[in-house]
């Protein structure tokens, strides 16, 4: 038996059908028909919600493929015979925008099998120059003895060696003892050997493994044991905690730098801190209600001048909005209000300080991707419209436009598609084409309710389209949660926040993380005295002064 065609109807459409049927049906049959259609409508919405919830649950378990338009094309009905005028309109608009605004150049596809890194990727590696003995430019060719050789750019070969994260050296000092007074004389240690058992480089390497790569202390302990250089997990924590004052000073300075930024991205991710959870249990056992139950790691990305980016992590009961407020309390009152980019959660917007609210366009888009299976025509219309906006933004980025130029470009090429999208969404409710309580209706309502924040990029220079950079930064905290599951104490969480902030800031500034942490640990007193001189983008100047 062929299954029936699945249709989506609104409550108003059902009411129209019942109005036509009422004169033709006896009262008992009409009431039965009404109950049948009401049941159908209820079951239809319930099945949609269940299937969508299951789809989200599968994403949580197994992850999801990228939500790029290219990957969604396989589900696109715009190429089928059933394509609606809405899809055709969006496609025509996209084509028109492409003609008006040259799209960003697509990156050339690498040849199949080519996954090698060029020598330029190893820019911090030492370079050893090897010269040709017995040959200079202008000498006769040793093969044909007729032609003359000339200088060419050197041939570059990269060689990589492996080594344990922590290496050890054993020094055996020759000793003599006096037979009469028992005095002991030992050979001196070689010059340049550090006094303590563990060099400051150990703290740098452990921090990168632990907070940069998400490797728990017990796994690093097992790795080191396999290398015959045992370092217990307790010892690793002792090394890290004793070396944190200098990184903490830089962390506090980065907070101050972030307070002066023109753009702040923020978001939250759940985290477990056992000591805070225990405090909550004690309060609840006493019959009291804790002021705050949630424990989060807030990720904040501040975009400074010259394109520099600062990443900050805060773990505790506070949400991202409260942490933004603490940062803005340090802001120079002479500066204009900054732009805050986040999703529309209320917890992100509790700060009392004046700021311009920009909301993530990707979050609004994702609401339509989640219901695409049930409403393919409508969802593809929205996705095609938003694709125009991202094409325009990519063009601005590739042309390296200034913030004011980018604003004018978006106003010229993105304002019309966004207005068409707004008009289309309003019509869905005004003409009763979409049930407001359906998942599609909720996705449309989200966009309408937060339209001002979603379109700030059309009114304010420098306003971004989405919050992707902050979500990518928060993956470091999520990686820690997946590997270590929790922090034991709030002090451990603070140490993690400090090192994760420095490590990710170094990555965004393209600074060698190990060298930077080495510099902080080796010059701890100077860093603590004036941390502003030891930021990732200026610390090398201080190293030159120190040498």
Protein backbone atom coordinates (compact mmCIF):
# COMPACT_ATOMS: atom_id res chain seq x y z
CA UNK A 1 0.00 0.00 0.00
CA UNK A 2 1.43 3.36 -1.02
CA UNK A 3 1.83 5.72 1.95
CA UNK A 4 -0.21 8.94 1.79
CA UNK A 5 1.37 12.29 1.06
CA UNK A 6 2.33 14.07 4.26
CA UNK A 7 0.85 17.56 4.46
CA UNK A 8 1.25 20.42 6.93
CA UNK A 9 -1.80 22.52 7.70
CA UNK A 10 -2.57 25.40 10.01
CA UNK A 11 -5.36 25.60 12.55
CA UNK A 12 -7.06 28.27 10.46
CA UNK A 13 -7.13 25.97 7.40
CA UNK A 14 -8.83 23.28 9.45
CA UNK A 15 -11.35 25.86 10.71
CA UNK A 16 -12.15 26.82 7.10
CA UNK A 17 -12.77 23.17 6.20
CA UNK A 18 -15.09 22.73 9.18
CA UNK A 19 -17.00 25.89 8.25
CA UNK A 20 -17.68 24.46 4.77
CA UNK A 21 -18.64 21.06 6.17
CA UNK A 22 -21.01 22.26 8.91
CA UNK A 23 -24.08 22.92 6.69
CA UNK A 24 -23.67 19.59 4.88
CA UNK A 25 -23.18 17.33 7.92
CA UNK A 26 -25.64 16.39 10.64
CA UNK A 27 -24.66 17.65 14.06
CA UNK A 28 -23.33 14.27 15.42
CA UNK A 29 -21.24 13.61 12.29
CA UNK A 30 -20.00 17.21 12.27
CA UNK A 31 -18.83 16.92 15.88
CA UNK A 32 -17.08 13.64 15.01
CA UNK A 33 -15.37 15.25 12.00
CA UNK A 34 -14.29 18.17 14.16
CA UNK A 35 -12.75 15.82 16.73
CA UNK A 36 -10.99 13.85 13.98
CA UNK A 37 -9.42 16.96 12.48
CA UNK A 38 -8.48 18.31 15.91
CA UNK A 39 -6.86 14.97 16.69
CA UNK A 40 -5.00 15.04 13.36
CA UNK A 41 -3.71 18.54 14.06
CA UNK A 42 -2.58 17.60 17.56
CA UNK A 43 -0.85 14.43 16.37
CA UNK A 44 0.81 16.28 13.48
CA UNK A 45 2.37 18.87 15.79
CA UNK A 46 3.34 16.23 18.35
CA UNK A 47 5.06 14.06 15.73
CA UNK A 48 6.94 17.05 14.37
CA UNK A 49 8.15 18.00 17.82
CA UNK A 50 9.11 14.41 18.68
CA UNK A 51 11.00 13.87 15.42
CA UNK A 52 12.77 17.20 15.73
CA UNK A 53 13.69 16.43 19.34
CA UNK A 54 15.06 13.05 18.30
CA UNK A 55 17.05 14.74 15.56
CA UNK A 56 18.59 17.12 18.10
CA UNK A 57 19.27 14.19 20.41
CA UNK A 58 21.12 12.36 17.62
CA UNK A 59 23.23 15.48 17.08
CA UNK A 60 24.12 15.50 20.77
CA UNK A 61 25.17 11.84 20.67
CA UNK A 62 26.87 11.56 17.30
CA UNK A 63 27.57 15.15 16.37
CA UNK A 64 26.28 16.87 13.27
CA UNK A 65 27.62 17.59 9.85
CA UNK A 66 28.38 21.16 8.97
CA UNK A 67 25.36 23.36 8.31
CA UNK A 68 26.86 24.98 5.24
CA UNK A 69 24.54 25.58 2.33
CA UNK A 70 26.62 23.28 0.15
CA UNK A 71 25.98 20.30 2.47
CA UNK A 72 22.30 21.16 2.73
CA UNK A 73 21.96 21.16 -1.04
CA UNK A 74 21.29 17.43 -1.10
CA UNK A 75 18.11 18.09 0.86
CA UNK A 76 17.19 21.13 -1.22
CA UNK A 77 14.00 20.83 -3.16
CA UNK A 78 14.74 23.85 -5.34
CA UNK A 79 16.19 21.56 -8.03
CA UNK A 80 13.15 19.26 -8.01
CA UNK A 81 9.98 19.65 -10.01
CA UNK A 82 8.15 20.44 -6.79
CA UNK A 83 10.12 23.64 -6.32
CA UNK A 84 7.95 26.51 -5.18
CA UNK A 85 8.01 30.11 -6.27
CA UNK A 86 9.57 30.98 -2.91
CA UNK A 87 12.66 28.91 -3.73
CA UNK A 88 12.83 30.35 -7.23
CA UNK A 89 12.57 33.87 -5.84
CA UNK A 90 15.45 33.29 -3.43
CA UNK A 91 17.54 31.73 -6.20
CA UNK A 92 16.84 34.67 -8.51
CA UNK A 93 17.69 37.12 -5.72
CA UNK A 94 20.95 35.29 -5.08
CA UNK A 95 21.81 35.45 -8.76
CA UNK A 96 20.99 39.13 -8.91
CA UNK A 97 23.13 39.82 -5.85
CA UNK A 98 25.98 37.84 -7.36
CA UNK A 99 25.88 40.00 -10.48
CA UNK A 100 25.74 43.18 -8.42
CA UNK A 101 28.44 42.09 -6.00
CA UNK A 102 31.28 39.81 -7.10
CA UNK A 103 31.37 36.85 -4.71
CA UNK A 104 34.42 35.86 -2.72
CA UNK A 105 36.92 33.79 -4.65
CA UNK A 106 36.70 30.14 -3.77
CA UNK A 107 39.85 28.53 -2.51
CA UNK A 108 41.53 26.28 -5.02
CA UNK A 109 40.98 22.64 -4.31
CA UNK A 110 44.14 20.80 -3.35
CA UNK A 111 45.20 17.91 -5.51
CA UNK A 112 44.01 14.52 -4.26
CA UNK A 113 46.40 13.05 -1.72
CA UNK A 114 48.11 16.36 -1.00
CA UNK A 115 48.04 16.87 2.75
CA UNK A 116 51.62 17.95 3.42
CA UNK A 117 52.55 21.08 5.33
CA UNK A 118 54.98 23.43 3.67
CA UNK A 119 58.13 24.62 5.38
CA UNK A 120 56.48 27.98 6.06
CA UNK A 121 54.19 26.24 8.59
CA UNK A 122 57.24 25.52 10.77
CA UNK A 123 58.13 29.21 11.15
CA UNK A 124 59.45 28.82 14.73
CA UNK A 125 61.79 25.94 13.88
CA UNK A 126 65.56 26.55 13.70
CA UNK A 127 66.93 26.88 10.18
CA UNK A 128 70.28 25.28 9.36
CA UNK A 129 71.88 26.57 6.17
CA UNK A 130 74.09 24.11 4.35
CA UNK A 131 76.50 25.49 1.76
CA UNK A 132 77.99 23.80 -1.29
CA UNK A 133 81.68 23.20 -0.76
CA UNK A 134 83.94 23.94 -3.72
CA UNK A 135 81.28 25.63 -5.85
CA UNK A 136 80.28 29.25 -6.36
CA UNK A 137 78.23 31.16 -8.90
CA UNK A 138 80.11 31.38 -12.23
CA UNK A 139 82.06 28.13 -11.86
CA UNK A 140 82.08 25.66 -14.74
CA UNK A 141 79.59 22.80 -14.54
CA UNK A 142 81.31 19.69 -13.11
CA UNK A 143 79.14 17.50 -15.38
CA UNK A 144 79.41 19.01 -18.87
CA UNK A 145 82.48 21.21 -18.19
CA UNK A 146 81.05 23.78 -20.63
CA UNK A 147 78.22 25.70 -19.01
CA UNK A 148 78.51 27.83 -15.90
CA UNK A 149 76.44 27.37 -12.75
CA UNK A 150 74.41 30.16 -11.16
CA UNK A 151 72.80 30.59 -7.75
CA UNK A 152 69.29 29.21 -7.15
CA UNK A 153 66.93 29.48 -4.14
CA UNK A 154 67.88 26.80 -1.62
CA UNK A 155 66.15 23.45 -1.57
CA UNK A 156 64.16 23.16 1.67
CA UNK A 157 63.74 19.86 3.52
CA UNK A 158 61.90 19.53 6.86
CA UNK A 159 62.98 16.86 9.36
CA UNK A 160 60.91 16.12 12.46
CA UNK A 161 61.98 14.17 15.56
CA UNK A 162 59.92 12.89 18.47
CA UNK A 163 60.60 13.34 22.16
CA UNK A 164 58.78 12.94 25.48
CA UNK A 165 56.78 15.93 26.78
CA UNK A 166 59.05 16.05 29.84
CA UNK A 167 62.66 14.87 29.60
CA UNK A 168 65.03 14.18 32.47
CA UNK A 169 68.81 14.26 32.91
CA UNK A 170 70.67 12.51 35.72
CA UNK A 171 73.76 14.22 37.13
CA UNK A 172 76.18 12.14 39.17
CA UNK A 173 78.40 14.48 41.16
CA UNK A 174 81.73 13.10 42.27
CA UNK A 175 82.12 13.33 46.08
CA UNK A 176 84.91 13.08 48.68
CA UNK A 177 84.67 12.81 52.44
CA UNK A 178 87.21 13.69 55.12
CA UNK A 179 88.13 10.77 57.37
CA UNK A 180 88.74 13.04 60.33
CA UNK A 181 85.95 15.71 60.30
CA UNK A 182 83.45 13.95 58.01
CA UNK A 183 83.27 16.99 55.73
CA UNK A 184 81.79 16.15 52.31
CA UNK A 185 82.99 17.78 49.10
CA UNK A 186 80.90 17.48 45.90
CA UNK A 187 81.63 18.51 42.33
CA UNK A 188 79.64 21.64 41.33
CA UNK A 189 76.71 21.44 38.96
CA UNK A 190 77.40 22.59 35.38
CA UNK A 191 76.77 26.26 34.63
CA UNK A 192 73.25 27.08 33.51
CA UNK A 193 71.53 24.14 35.20
CA UNK A 194 68.38 25.21 37.07
CA UNK A 195 68.32 24.81 40.85
CA UNK A 196 64.93 23.14 41.38
CA UNK A 197 64.14 19.62 40.23
CA UNK A 198 61.57 20.80 37.69
CA UNK A 199 62.48 23.54 35.22
CA UNK A 200 59.89 26.23 34.44
CA UNK A 201 59.56 24.65 31.01
CA UNK A 202 57.78 21.74 32.74
CA UNK A 203 54.98 24.07 33.81
CA UNK A 204 54.69 25.40 30.25
CA UNK A 205 54.47 21.95 28.71
CA UNK A 206 52.05 20.57 31.31
CA UNK A 207 49.79 23.62 30.88
CA UNK A 208 49.66 23.13 27.10
CA UNK A 209 48.86 19.43 27.42
CA UNK A 210 46.34 19.94 30.21
CA UNK A 211 44.54 23.14 29.25
CA UNK A 212 45.45 23.43 25.59
CA UNK A 213 44.87 19.84 24.46
CA UNK A 214 42.50 18.59 27.17
CA UNK A 215 44.78 15.82 28.47
CA UNK A 216 44.02 15.10 32.15
CA UNK A 217 46.89 14.83 34.60
CA UNK A 218 46.44 11.07 35.04
CA UNK A 219 46.83 10.46 31.29
CA UNK A 220 49.97 12.56 31.13
CA UNK A 221 51.23 10.63 34.16
CA UNK A 222 50.73 7.37 32.26
CA UNK A 223 52.40 8.80 29.15
CA UNK A 224 55.43 9.92 31.13
CA UNK A 225 55.66 6.54 32.86
CA UNK A 226 55.90 4.88 29.45
CA UNK A 227 58.84 7.20 28.69
CA UNK A 228 60.55 6.22 31.96
CA UNK A 229 60.25 9.81 33.23
CA UNK A 230 57.60 9.41 35.94
CA UNK A 231 55.70 12.54 36.99
CA UNK A 232 52.62 11.90 39.16
CA UNK A 233 49.38 13.78 38.67
CA UNK A 234 49.76 15.41 42.10
CA UNK A 235 53.23 16.63 41.14
CA UNK A 236 51.91 18.05 37.88
CA UNK A 237 49.29 20.07 39.76
CA UNK A 238 51.93 21.27 42.21
CA UNK A 239 54.12 22.47 39.31
CA UNK A 240 51.22 24.23 37.61
CA UNK A 241 49.79 25.90 40.72
CA UNK A 242 53.18 27.27 41.82
CA UNK A 243 53.84 28.75 38.38
CA UNK A 244 50.49 30.53 38.00
CA UNK A 245 51.26 34.01 39.51
CA UNK A 246 52.87 35.41 36.34
CA UNK A 247 50.16 34.06 33.97
CA UNK A 248 47.53 35.34 36.40
CA UNK A 249 49.01 38.85 36.20
CA UNK A 250 48.80 38.74 32.39
CA UNK A 251 45.25 37.33 32.62
CA UNK A 252 44.17 40.31 34.72
CA UNK A 253 45.81 42.68 32.25
CA UNK A 254 43.98 40.96 29.36
CA UNK A 255 40.70 41.57 31.23
CA UNK A 256 41.54 45.28 31.34
CA UNK A 257 42.47 45.27 27.63
CA UNK A 258 39.19 43.51 26.78
CA UNK A 259 37.25 46.18 28.68
CA UNK A 260 38.48 48.79 26.16
CA UNK A 261 37.50 46.74 23.10
CA UNK A 262 34.86 47.91 20.61
CA UNK A 263 33.46 44.39 20.13
CA UNK A 264 32.83 41.63 22.68
CA UNK A 265 31.58 38.15 21.85
CA UNK A 266 30.21 36.00 24.69
CA UNK A 267 28.55 32.67 25.37
CA UNK A 268 28.23 30.01 28.11
CA UNK A 269 28.85 26.29 28.38
CA UNK A 270 27.87 24.12 31.38
CA UNK A 271 30.71 23.02 33.66
CA UNK A 272 31.06 20.95 36.82
CA UNK A 273 33.01 22.15 39.86
CA UNK A 274 32.75 19.60 42.64
CA UNK A 275 33.36 22.04 45.50
CA UNK A 276 30.57 24.35 44.28
CA UNK A 277 28.24 21.39 43.82
CA UNK A 278 28.99 20.25 47.37
CA UNK A 279 28.26 23.74 48.73
CA UNK A 280 24.93 23.68 46.93
CA UNK A 281 24.03 20.32 48.48
CA UNK A 282 24.85 21.61 51.96
CA UNK A 283 22.63 24.67 51.47
CA UNK A 284 19.75 22.56 50.15
CA UNK A 285 20.15 20.06 53.00
CA UNK A 286 19.70 22.95 55.45
CA UNK A 287 16.32 23.70 53.85
CA UNK A 288 17.52 26.84 52.10
CA UNK A 289 17.46 27.74 48.43
CA UNK A 290 20.85 28.55 46.91
CA UNK A 291 21.04 31.91 45.18
CA UNK A 292 22.54 30.35 42.08
CA UNK A 293 22.52 26.72 40.98
CA UNK A 294 23.99 26.76 37.51
CA UNK A 295 27.75 26.40 37.02
CA UNK A 296 29.11 27.65 33.70
CA UNK A 297 32.28 28.44 31.87
CA UNK A 298 31.79 31.75 30.11
CA UNK A 299 33.82 32.40 26.98
CA UNK A 300 34.44 36.03 26.00
CA UNK A 301 36.33 37.08 22.87
CA UNK A 302 37.29 40.75 22.70
CA UNK A 303 38.36 42.23 19.36
CA UNK A 304 40.94 44.96 19.94
CA UNK A 305 42.54 47.44 17.57
CA UNK A 306 44.83 46.13 14.81
CA UNK A 307 42.74 42.95 14.67
CA UNK A 308 44.12 41.58 17.93
CA UNK A 309 41.83 39.19 19.77
CA UNK A 310 41.73 38.39 23.48
CA UNK A 311 40.04 35.24 24.76
CA UNK A 312 38.89 35.06 28.38
CA UNK A 313 37.32 32.19 30.31
CA UNK A 314 35.43 32.49 33.59
CA UNK A 315 34.13 29.44 35.49
CA UNK A 316 31.62 29.74 38.31
CA UNK A 317 28.00 30.59 39.07
CA UNK A 318 27.99 33.75 36.96
CA UNK A 319 26.59 33.76 33.44
CA UNK A 320 28.28 35.43 30.47
CA UNK A 321 26.22 38.59 30.86
CA UNK A 322 27.37 39.05 34.45
CA UNK A 323 30.99 38.47 33.48
CA UNK A 324 30.61 41.01 30.67
CA UNK A 325 29.36 43.46 33.30
CA UNK A 326 32.43 42.88 35.47
CA UNK A 327 34.67 43.53 32.46
CA UNK A 328 32.84 46.69 31.38
CA UNK A 329 33.19 48.07 34.90
CA UNK A 330 36.87 48.60 33.96
CA UNK A 331 36.05 50.41 30.71
CA UNK A 332 37.19 53.98 30.10
CA UNK A 333 34.09 56.15 30.48
CA UNK A 334 35.23 58.33 27.57
CA UNK A 335 34.85 55.46 25.09
CA UNK A 336 31.68 54.81 23.08
CA UNK A 337 29.47 51.85 24.09
CA UNK A 338 30.86 48.58 22.71
CA UNK A 339 29.06 46.02 20.57
CA UNK A 340 28.11 42.82 22.38
CA UNK A 341 27.54 39.78 20.15
CA UNK A 342 25.81 36.69 21.57
CA UNK A 343 22.69 34.61 21.18
CA UNK A 344 19.36 35.87 22.50
CA UNK A 345 19.44 34.14 25.92
CA UNK A 346 18.46 36.54 28.69
CA UNK A 347 21.46 35.47 30.78
CA UNK A 348 23.75 37.06 28.19
CA UNK A 349 22.16 40.49 28.62
CA UNK A 350 21.97 41.17 32.34
CA UNK A 351 24.75 43.77 32.39
CA UNK A 352 23.71 47.26 33.45
CA UNK A 353 26.33 48.95 31.26
CA UNK A 354 25.32 50.59 27.99
CA UNK A 355 26.20 48.57 24.89
CA UNK A 356 24.89 47.81 21.40
CA UNK A 357 23.31 44.37 21.21
CA UNK A 358 24.09 42.24 18.15
CA UNK A 359 22.53 38.79 17.93
CA UNK A 360 23.88 35.72 16.15
CA UNK A 361 22.39 35.21 12.70
CA UNK A 362 23.60 31.59 12.72
CA UNK A 363 21.36 30.83 15.71
CA UNK A 364 18.36 32.14 13.82
CA UNK A 365 19.35 30.15 10.74
CA UNK A 366 19.78 26.97 12.77
CA UNK A 367 16.13 27.07 13.81
CA UNK A 368 15.15 26.54 10.16
CA UNK A 369 17.78 23.84 9.60
CA UNK A 370 16.30 21.82 12.47
CA UNK A 371 12.84 21.76 10.83
CA UNK A 372 13.97 21.48 7.23
CA UNK A 373 12.80 17.87 7.00
CA UNK A 374 9.18 18.93 7.63
CA UNK A 375 9.15 22.33 5.90
CA UNK A 376 11.75 22.06 3.11
CA UNK A 377 10.33 24.75 0.82
CA UNK A 378 10.02 27.46 3.47
CA UNK A 379 13.34 26.63 5.12
CA UNK A 380 15.28 26.68 1.86
CA UNK A 381 13.84 30.08 1.07
CA UNK A 382 15.23 31.46 4.33
CA UNK A 383 18.60 29.71 3.89
CA UNK A 384 18.97 31.03 0.34
CA UNK A 385 18.28 34.58 1.50
CA UNK A 386 20.81 34.33 4.34
CA UNK A 387 23.35 32.84 1.92
CA UNK A 388 23.31 36.16 0.06
CA UNK A 389 24.27 37.98 3.26
CA UNK A 390 27.18 35.66 3.94
CA UNK A 391 28.40 35.91 0.33
CA UNK A 392 28.43 39.69 0.69
CA UNK A 393 30.28 39.50 4.00
CA UNK A 394 32.86 37.13 2.55
CA UNK A 395 33.41 39.57 -0.31
CA UNK A 396 34.01 42.40 2.17
CA UNK A 397 36.46 40.25 4.09
CA UNK A 398 38.40 39.17 1.00
CA UNK A 399 38.58 42.77 -0.21
CA UNK A 400 39.88 43.75 3.26
CA UNK A 401 37.33 46.52 3.57
CA UNK A 402 37.40 48.84 6.56
CA UNK A 403 34.47 48.73 8.96
CA UNK A 404 32.80 51.79 7.43
CA UNK A 405 33.24 50.44 3.89
CA UNK A 406 31.78 47.10 4.95
CA UNK A 407 28.76 48.84 6.46
CA UNK A 408 28.08 50.77 3.26
CA UNK A 409 28.48 47.61 1.20
CA UNK A 410 25.99 45.68 3.33
CA UNK A 411 23.53 48.57 3.23
CA UNK A 412 23.76 48.57 -0.57
CA UNK A 413 23.62 44.79 -1.14
CA UNK A 414 22.20 43.11 1.98
CA UNK A 415 19.47 45.47 3.19
CA UNK A 416 17.04 44.58 0.38
CA UNK A 417 17.26 40.76 0.82
CA UNK A 418 16.87 41.11 4.60
CA UNK A 419 13.82 43.34 4.16
CA UNK A 420 12.32 40.80 1.75
CA UNK A 421 12.91 38.10 4.35
CA UNK A 422 11.21 40.19 7.04
CA UNK A 423 8.21 40.82 4.77
CA UNK A 424 7.98 37.12 3.93
CA UNK A 425 8.05 36.10 7.61
CA UNK A 426 5.35 38.63 8.52
CA UNK A 427 3.15 37.31 5.72
CA UNK A 428 3.40 33.75 7.03
CA UNK A 429 1.53 34.80 10.17
CA UNK A 430 -0.68 37.52 8.71
CA UNK A 431 -1.97 35.25 5.91
CA UNK A 432 -2.09 32.26 8.30
CA UNK A 433 0.22 30.13 6.17
CA UNK A 434 2.14 28.83 9.19
CA UNK A 435 0.86 27.60 12.53
CA UNK A 436 2.51 29.79 15.23
CA UNK A 437 2.85 26.82 17.61
CA UNK A 438 4.66 24.68 15.03
CA UNK A 439 8.43 24.41 15.02
CA UNK A 440 8.57 26.47 11.84
CA UNK A 441 6.39 29.10 13.47
CA UNK A 442 8.74 29.22 16.47
CA UNK A 443 11.76 29.61 14.18
CA UNK A 444 10.09 32.49 12.34
CA UNK A 445 8.93 34.09 15.60
CA UNK A 446 12.50 33.98 16.95
CA UNK A 447 13.75 35.92 13.94
CA UNK A 448 10.93 38.47 14.17
CA UNK A 449 11.30 39.01 17.93
CA UNK A 450 15.05 39.62 17.67
CA UNK A 451 15.15 41.38 14.30
CA UNK A 452 16.90 44.51 15.56
CA UNK A 453 19.79 42.54 17.05
CA UNK A 454 20.04 40.23 14.04
CA UNK A 455 20.35 43.17 11.65
CA UNK A 456 22.69 45.45 13.62
CA UNK A 457 25.33 44.85 10.92
CA UNK A 458 23.15 47.03 8.64
CA UNK A 459 23.29 49.99 11.04
CA UNK A 460 26.58 49.82 12.95
CA UNK A 461 30.08 49.63 11.49
CA UNK A 462 31.99 46.61 12.74
CA UNK A 463 28.95 44.61 13.89
CA UNK A 464 29.53 40.91 13.04
CA UNK A 465 26.99 38.51 11.58
CA UNK A 466 27.37 35.71 14.08
CA UNK A 467 29.00 34.50 17.27
CA UNK A 468 30.97 31.66 15.71
CA UNK A 469 34.37 32.84 16.97
CA UNK A 470 33.20 32.60 20.59
CA UNK A 471 31.61 29.19 20.09
CA UNK A 472 34.88 27.95 18.63
CA UNK A 473 36.76 29.30 21.65
CA UNK A 474 34.35 27.56 24.04
CA UNK A 475 35.24 24.23 22.45
CA UNK A 476 38.40 24.34 24.57
CA UNK A 477 36.29 24.30 27.74
CA UNK A 478 34.02 21.65 26.24
CA UNK A 479 37.06 19.52 25.41
CA UNK A 480 38.16 19.80 29.05
CA UNK A 481 34.68 18.77 30.23
CA UNK A 482 34.63 15.74 27.96
CA UNK A 483 38.09 14.55 28.97
CA UNK A 484 38.29 15.49 32.65
CA UNK A 485 34.54 15.72 33.38
CA UNK A 486 34.94 18.33 36.12
CA UNK A 487 37.13 20.64 38.18
CA UNK A 488 37.63 19.53 41.75
CA UNK A 489 37.86 22.98 43.35
CA UNK A 490 37.20 26.56 42.38
CA UNK A 491 40.95 27.20 42.54
CA UNK A 492 41.51 24.49 39.96
CA UNK A 493 38.84 26.10 37.77
CA UNK A 494 40.54 29.50 38.08
CA UNK A 495 43.91 28.04 37.11
CA UNK A 496 42.26 26.37 34.12
CA UNK A 497 40.61 29.65 33.09
CA UNK A 498 43.94 31.49 33.26
CA UNK A 499 45.91 29.03 31.18
CA UNK A 500 43.13 28.37 28.66
CA UNK A 501 42.74 32.13 28.16
CA UNK A 502 46.46 32.63 27.49
CA UNK A 503 46.76 29.58 25.26
CA UNK A 504 43.81 30.44 23.05
CA UNK A 505 44.78 34.11 22.88
CA UNK A 506 48.23 33.03 21.65
CA UNK A 507 46.63 30.86 18.99
CA UNK A 508 44.46 33.69 17.67
CA UNK A 509 47.47 36.05 17.72
CA UNK A 510 49.62 33.39 15.98
CA UNK A 511 52.15 33.35 18.80
CA UNK A 512 54.13 30.26 19.82
CA UNK A 513 52.30 29.24 22.99
CA UNK A 514 55.17 27.29 24.52
CA UNK A 515 57.68 30.11 23.98
CA UNK A 516 55.25 32.62 25.43
CA UNK A 517 54.54 30.61 28.60
CA UNK A 518 58.29 30.00 28.90
CA UNK A 519 58.88 33.74 28.86
CA UNK A 520 56.25 34.36 31.54
CA UNK A 521 57.56 31.64 33.84
CA UNK A 522 61.21 32.54 33.36
CA UNK A 523 60.65 36.27 34.03
CA UNK A 524 57.90 35.94 36.62
CA UNK A 525 59.00 38.90 38.77
CA UNK A 526 59.14 41.29 35.81
CA UNK A 527 55.77 40.05 34.54
CA UNK A 528 54.09 40.57 37.90
CA UNK A 529 55.60 44.06 38.18
CA UNK A 530 54.22 45.24 34.80
CA UNK A 531 52.08 42.68 32.96
CA UNK A 532 51.15 45.17 30.22
CA UNK A 533 54.64 44.79 28.79
CA UNK A 534 54.31 41.00 28.58
CA UNK A 535 51.25 40.49 26.41
CA UNK A 536 51.39 37.98 23.52
CA UNK A 537 51.93 40.73 20.94
CA UNK A 538 54.72 42.65 22.71
CA UNK A 539 56.57 40.23 25.02
CA UNK A 540 59.43 39.68 22.56
CA UNK A 541 60.48 43.29 22.98
CA UNK A 542 60.98 42.65 26.69
CA UNK A 543 62.99 39.53 25.94
CA UNK A 544 65.37 41.64 23.85
CA UNK A 545 65.73 44.08 26.73
CA UNK A 546 66.32 41.24 29.20
CA UNK A 547 69.10 39.78 27.06
